């Protein structure tokens, strides 16, 4: 099917939704394969995590999403952070995204890299695992600091 879209609404609030250029449903495996997926997770405060990749596999249990696996050139954007990896797995029951392959986090002149990563969505925690490396770019950090200071009100 072309122009795939699916979403979960809970207590009148959108929890997640996924779009894709094309999807195939494998009924016996209770699995859908989506090309060029765009996955959005909405936290309880209305913040959005957006994830894109080459292919997504949705695994269903009854009519509920059991897990979502994205593969190929993964990019996750959330609260000014950009995460890059080759694979991401969303576990809705745990409100967790696991990136089991090398992952990079980029924000405001700071780049962190690790062998894998876990993201706790409700707690808003990132955890890089094994072989963590850090790269600082002071010029970018200073530009962002100057930009932030310009917007601050000084005095009363």
C-alpha atoms as a PDB file:
ATOM      1  CA  UNK A   1       0.000   0.000   0.000  1.00  0.00           C
ATOM      2  CA  UNK A   2       1.217   3.526  -0.825  1.00  0.00           C
ATOM      3  CA  UNK A   3       1.338   6.497   1.577  1.00  0.00           C
ATOM      4  CA  UNK A   4       1.200   4.443   4.797  1.00  0.00           C
ATOM      5  CA  UNK A   5       0.030   6.092   8.048  1.00  0.00           C
ATOM      6  CA  UNK A   6      -0.769   4.651  11.458  1.00  0.00           C
ATOM      7  CA  UNK A   7      -1.116   6.298  14.892  1.00  0.00           C
ATOM      8  CA  UNK A   8      -1.936   5.469  18.500  1.00  0.00           C
ATOM      9  CA  UNK A   9      -4.324   7.703  20.436  1.00  0.00           C
ATOM     10  CA  UNK A  10      -4.598   7.128  24.190  1.00  0.00           C
ATOM     11  CA  UNK A  11      -7.008   9.092  26.416  1.00  0.00           C
ATOM     12  CA  UNK A  12      -7.471  11.628  23.615  1.00  0.00           C
ATOM     13  CA  UNK A  13      -3.695  12.219  23.279  1.00  0.00           C
ATOM     14  CA  UNK A  14      -1.616  11.139  20.303  1.00  0.00           C
ATOM     15  CA  UNK A  15       1.197   8.903  21.636  1.00  0.00           C
ATOM     16  CA  UNK A  16       2.953   8.096  18.364  1.00  0.00           C
ATOM     17  CA  UNK A  17       2.440   7.998  14.640  1.00  0.00           C
ATOM     18  CA  UNK A  18       4.304   6.651  11.668  1.00  0.00           C
ATOM     19  CA  UNK A  19       4.248   7.604   8.000  1.00  0.00           C
ATOM     20  CA  UNK A  20       5.900   5.837   5.093  1.00  0.00           C
ATOM     21  CA  UNK A  21       6.107   5.977   1.319  1.00  0.00           C
ATOM     22  CA  UNK A  22       5.013   2.361   0.969  1.00  0.00           C
ATOM     23  CA  UNK A  23       4.112  -0.573   3.252  1.00  0.00           C
ATOM     24  CA  UNK A  24       3.667  -4.332   2.984  1.00  0.00           C
ATOM     25  CA  UNK A  25       1.792  -6.292   5.633  1.00  0.00           C
ATOM     26  CA  UNK A  26       2.865  -9.873   6.409  1.00  0.00           C
ATOM     27  CA  UNK A  27      -0.266 -11.214   8.079  1.00  0.00           C
ATOM     28  CA  UNK A  28       1.158 -14.511   9.363  1.00  0.00           C
ATOM     29  CA  UNK A  29       4.142 -12.780  10.984  1.00  0.00           C
ATOM     30  CA  UNK A  30       1.934  -9.894  12.228  1.00  0.00           C
ATOM     31  CA  UNK A  31       4.517  -7.539  10.791  1.00  0.00           C
ATOM     32  CA  UNK A  32       4.475  -4.535   8.469  1.00  0.00           C
ATOM     33  CA  UNK A  33       7.500  -3.391   6.472  1.00  0.00           C
ATOM     34  CA  UNK A  34       7.546   0.329   5.679  1.00  0.00           C
ATOM     35  CA  UNK A  35       9.840   2.100   3.213  1.00  0.00           C
ATOM     36  CA  UNK A  36      11.166   5.588   4.053  1.00  0.00           C
ATOM     37  CA  UNK A  37       9.495   5.745   7.492  1.00  0.00           C
ATOM     38  CA  UNK A  38       8.989   8.891   9.554  1.00  0.00           C
ATOM     39  CA  UNK A  39       8.168   8.020  13.167  1.00  0.00           C
ATOM     40  CA  UNK A  40       6.940  10.595  15.693  1.00  0.00           C
ATOM     41  CA  UNK A  41       6.732  10.033  19.447  1.00  0.00           C
ATOM     42  CA  UNK A  42       4.761  12.593  21.502  1.00  0.00           C
ATOM     43  CA  UNK A  43       5.530  12.809  25.221  1.00  0.00           C
ATOM     44  CA  UNK A  44       2.965  13.869  27.820  1.00  0.00           C
ATOM     45  CA  UNK A  45       4.182  17.475  27.710  1.00  0.00           C
ATOM     46  CA  UNK A  46       3.686  17.699  23.954  1.00  0.00           C
ATOM     47  CA  UNK A  47       7.382  17.438  23.019  1.00  0.00           C
ATOM     48  CA  UNK A  48       8.037  15.483  19.829  1.00  0.00           C
ATOM     49  CA  UNK A  49      10.817  13.045  18.963  1.00  0.00           C
ATOM     50  CA  UNK A  50      11.130  12.571  15.205  1.00  0.00           C
ATOM     51  CA  UNK A  51      12.943   9.558  13.750  1.00  0.00           C
ATOM     52  CA  UNK A  52      13.651   8.802  10.101  1.00  0.00           C
ATOM     53  CA  UNK A  53      15.336   5.879   8.371  1.00  0.00           C
ATOM     54  CA  UNK A  54      15.368   3.705   5.267  1.00  0.00           C
ATOM     55  CA  UNK A  55      13.101   0.848   6.417  1.00  0.00           C
ATOM     56  CA  UNK A  56      10.855   0.198   9.419  1.00  0.00           C
ATOM     57  CA  UNK A  57       9.412  -3.063  10.676  1.00  0.00           C
ATOM     58  CA  UNK A  58       6.314  -2.849  12.859  1.00  0.00           C
ATOM     59  CA  UNK A  59       5.643  -5.888  15.039  1.00  0.00           C
ATOM     60  CA  UNK A  60       2.047  -6.178  16.255  1.00  0.00           C
ATOM     61  CA  UNK A  61       0.576  -8.126  19.159  1.00  0.00           C
ATOM     62  CA  UNK A  62      -3.183  -8.269  18.567  1.00  0.00           C
ATOM     63  CA  UNK A  63      -3.723  -4.710  17.310  1.00  0.00           C
ATOM     64  CA  UNK A  64      -1.126  -3.145  19.600  1.00  0.00           C
ATOM     65  CA  UNK A  65       2.383  -2.116  18.629  1.00  0.00           C
ATOM     66  CA  UNK A  66       4.825  -4.521  20.280  1.00  0.00           C
ATOM     67  CA  UNK A  67       7.955  -2.914  18.844  1.00  0.00           C
ATOM     68  CA  UNK A  68       9.110  -0.777  15.961  1.00  0.00           C
ATOM     69  CA  UNK A  69      12.496  -1.431  14.390  1.00  0.00           C
ATOM     70  CA  UNK A  70      14.027   1.192  12.092  1.00  0.00           C
ATOM     71  CA  UNK A  71      17.083   0.466   9.969  1.00  0.00           C
ATOM     72  CA  UNK A  72      19.431   2.387   7.678  1.00  0.00           C
ATOM     73  CA  UNK A  73      20.669   5.965   8.142  1.00  0.00           C
ATOM     74  CA  UNK A  74      18.659   6.554  11.324  1.00  0.00           C
ATOM     75  CA  UNK A  75      18.338  10.123  12.515  1.00  0.00           C
ATOM     76  CA  UNK A  76      16.423  10.953  15.701  1.00  0.00           C
ATOM     77  CA  UNK A  77      15.771  14.619  16.594  1.00  0.00           C
ATOM     78  CA  UNK A  78      14.629  15.479  20.110  1.00  0.00           C
ATOM     79  CA  UNK A  79      14.908  18.698  22.162  1.00  0.00           C
ATOM     80  CA  UNK A  80      17.841  20.112  20.196  1.00  0.00           C
ATOM     81  CA  UNK A  81      19.738  16.813  20.093  1.00  0.00           C
ATOM     82  CA  UNK A  82      20.404  14.820  16.929  1.00  0.00           C
ATOM     83  CA  UNK A  83      21.132  11.101  17.274  1.00  0.00           C
ATOM     84  CA  UNK A  84      22.556   9.157  14.349  1.00  0.00           C
ATOM     85  CA  UNK A  85      22.865   5.381  14.027  1.00  0.00           C
ATOM     86  CA  UNK A  86      22.125   2.495  11.678  1.00  0.00           C
ATOM     87  CA  UNK A  87      19.361   0.940  13.783  1.00  0.00           C
ATOM     88  CA  UNK A  88      16.787   2.053  16.358  1.00  0.00           C
ATOM     89  CA  UNK A  89      14.187  -0.053  18.176  1.00  0.00           C
ATOM     90  CA  UNK A  90      11.192   1.520  19.932  1.00  0.00           C
ATOM     91  CA  UNK A  91       9.609  -0.475  22.782  1.00  0.00           C
ATOM     92  CA  UNK A  92       6.286   1.248  23.610  1.00  0.00           C
ATOM     93  CA  UNK A  93       5.617  -0.781  26.786  1.00  0.00           C
ATOM     94  CA  UNK A  94       8.898   0.481  28.273  1.00  0.00           C
ATOM     95  CA  UNK A  95       8.813   3.942  26.617  1.00  0.00           C
ATOM     96  CA  UNK A  96      12.368   3.243  25.461  1.00  0.00           C
ATOM     97  CA  UNK A  97      14.344   3.541  22.247  1.00  0.00           C
ATOM     98  CA  UNK A  98      17.405   1.316  21.948  1.00  0.00           C
ATOM     99  CA  UNK A  99      20.089   2.041  19.360  1.00  0.00           C
ATOM    100  CA  UNK A 100      22.112  -1.225  19.368  1.00  0.00           C
ATOM    101  CA  UNK A 101      24.829  -0.097  16.928  1.00  0.00           C
ATOM    102  CA  UNK A 102      27.345   2.752  17.071  1.00  0.00           C
ATOM    103  CA  UNK A 103      25.477   5.951  17.866  1.00  0.00           C
ATOM    104  CA  UNK A 104      26.431   9.628  17.724  1.00  0.00           C
ATOM    105  CA  UNK A 105      24.732  12.475  19.624  1.00  0.00           C
ATOM    106  CA  UNK A 106      25.246  16.003  18.327  1.00  0.00           C
ATOM    107  CA  UNK A 107      24.220  19.242  20.027  1.00  0.00           C
ATOM    108  CA  UNK A 108      25.637  22.785  20.211  1.00  0.00           C
ATOM    109  CA  UNK A 109      29.275  21.980  19.410  1.00  0.00           C
ATOM    110  CA  UNK A 110      29.377  18.734  21.386  1.00  0.00           C
ATOM    111  CA  UNK A 111      29.551  15.323  19.730  1.00  0.00           C
ATOM    112  CA  UNK A 112      29.360  12.102  21.754  1.00  0.00           C
ATOM    113  CA  UNK A 113      29.809   8.626  20.282  1.00  0.00           C
ATOM    114  CA  UNK A 114      29.308   5.194  21.822  1.00  0.00           C
ATOM    115  CA  UNK A 115      28.946   1.546  20.821  1.00  0.00           C
ATOM    116  CA  UNK A 116      25.218   1.664  21.553  1.00  0.00           C
ATOM    117  CA  UNK A 117      22.625   3.815  23.287  1.00  0.00           C
ATOM    118  CA  UNK A 118      19.375   3.771  25.244  1.00  0.00           C
ATOM    119  CA  UNK A 119      16.849   6.602  25.390  1.00  0.00           C
ATOM    120  CA  UNK A 120      14.299   6.703  28.224  1.00  0.00           C
ATOM    121  CA  UNK A 121      11.513   8.782  26.670  1.00  0.00           C
ATOM    122  CA  UNK A 122       9.412   9.697  29.712  1.00  0.00           C
ATOM    123  CA  UNK A 123      12.450  10.316  31.963  1.00  0.00           C
ATOM    124  CA  UNK A 124      14.251  12.144  29.121  1.00  0.00           C
ATOM    125  CA  UNK A 125      17.522  10.309  29.733  1.00  0.00           C
ATOM    126  CA  UNK A 126      20.156   9.313  27.162  1.00  0.00           C
ATOM    127  CA  UNK A 127      22.683   6.614  28.027  1.00  0.00           C
ATOM    128  CA  UNK A 128      25.665   5.871  25.766  1.00  0.00           C
ATOM    129  CA  UNK A 129      27.153   2.410  26.314  1.00  0.00           C
ATOM    130  CA  UNK A 130      30.809   1.290  25.862  1.00  0.00           C
ATOM    131  CA  UNK A 131      33.672   2.983  24.058  1.00  0.00           C
ATOM    132  CA  UNK A 132      32.299   6.479  24.613  1.00  0.00           C
ATOM    133  CA  UNK A 133      34.213   9.290  22.899  1.00  0.00           C
ATOM    134  CA  UNK A 134      33.649  13.043  23.136  1.00  0.00           C
ATOM    135  CA  UNK A 135      34.452  15.778  20.613  1.00  0.00           C
ATOM    136  CA  UNK A 136      34.111  19.426  21.637  1.00  0.00           C
ATOM    137  CA  UNK A 137      33.978  22.295  19.147  1.00  0.00           C
ATOM    138  CA  UNK A 138      34.448  25.450  21.292  1.00  0.00           C
ATOM    139  CA  UNK A 139      33.703  27.815  18.387  1.00  0.00           C
ATOM    140  CA  UNK A 140      30.219  26.351  17.944  1.00  0.00           C
ATOM    141  CA  UNK A 141      29.676  26.245  21.704  1.00  0.00           C
ATOM    142  CA  UNK A 142      30.688  29.938  22.040  1.00  0.00           C
ATOM    143  CA  UNK A 143      28.410  31.029  19.166  1.00  0.00           C
ATOM    144  CA  UNK A 144      25.447  29.297  20.807  1.00  0.00           C
ATOM    145  CA  UNK A 145      26.310  30.809  24.203  1.00  0.00           C
ATOM    146  CA  UNK A 146      26.541  34.303  22.668  1.00  0.00           C
ATOM    147  CA  UNK A 147      23.234  33.782  20.851  1.00  0.00           C
ATOM    148  CA  UNK A 148      21.576  32.665  24.113  1.00  0.00           C
ATOM    149  CA  UNK A 149      23.018  35.617  26.072  1.00  0.00           C
ATOM    150  CA  UNK A 150      21.693  38.136  23.510  1.00  0.00           C
ATOM    151  CA  UNK A 151      18.148  36.955  24.222  1.00  0.00           C
ATOM    152  CA  UNK A 152      18.439  37.326  28.009  1.00  0.00           C
ATOM    153  CA  UNK A 153      17.034  40.321  29.845  1.00  0.00           C
ATOM    154  CA  UNK A 154      19.531  41.943  32.193  1.00  0.00           C
ATOM    155  CA  UNK A 155      18.411  44.005  35.149  1.00  0.00           C
ATOM    156  CA  UNK A 156      14.947  44.584  36.463  1.00  0.00           C
END
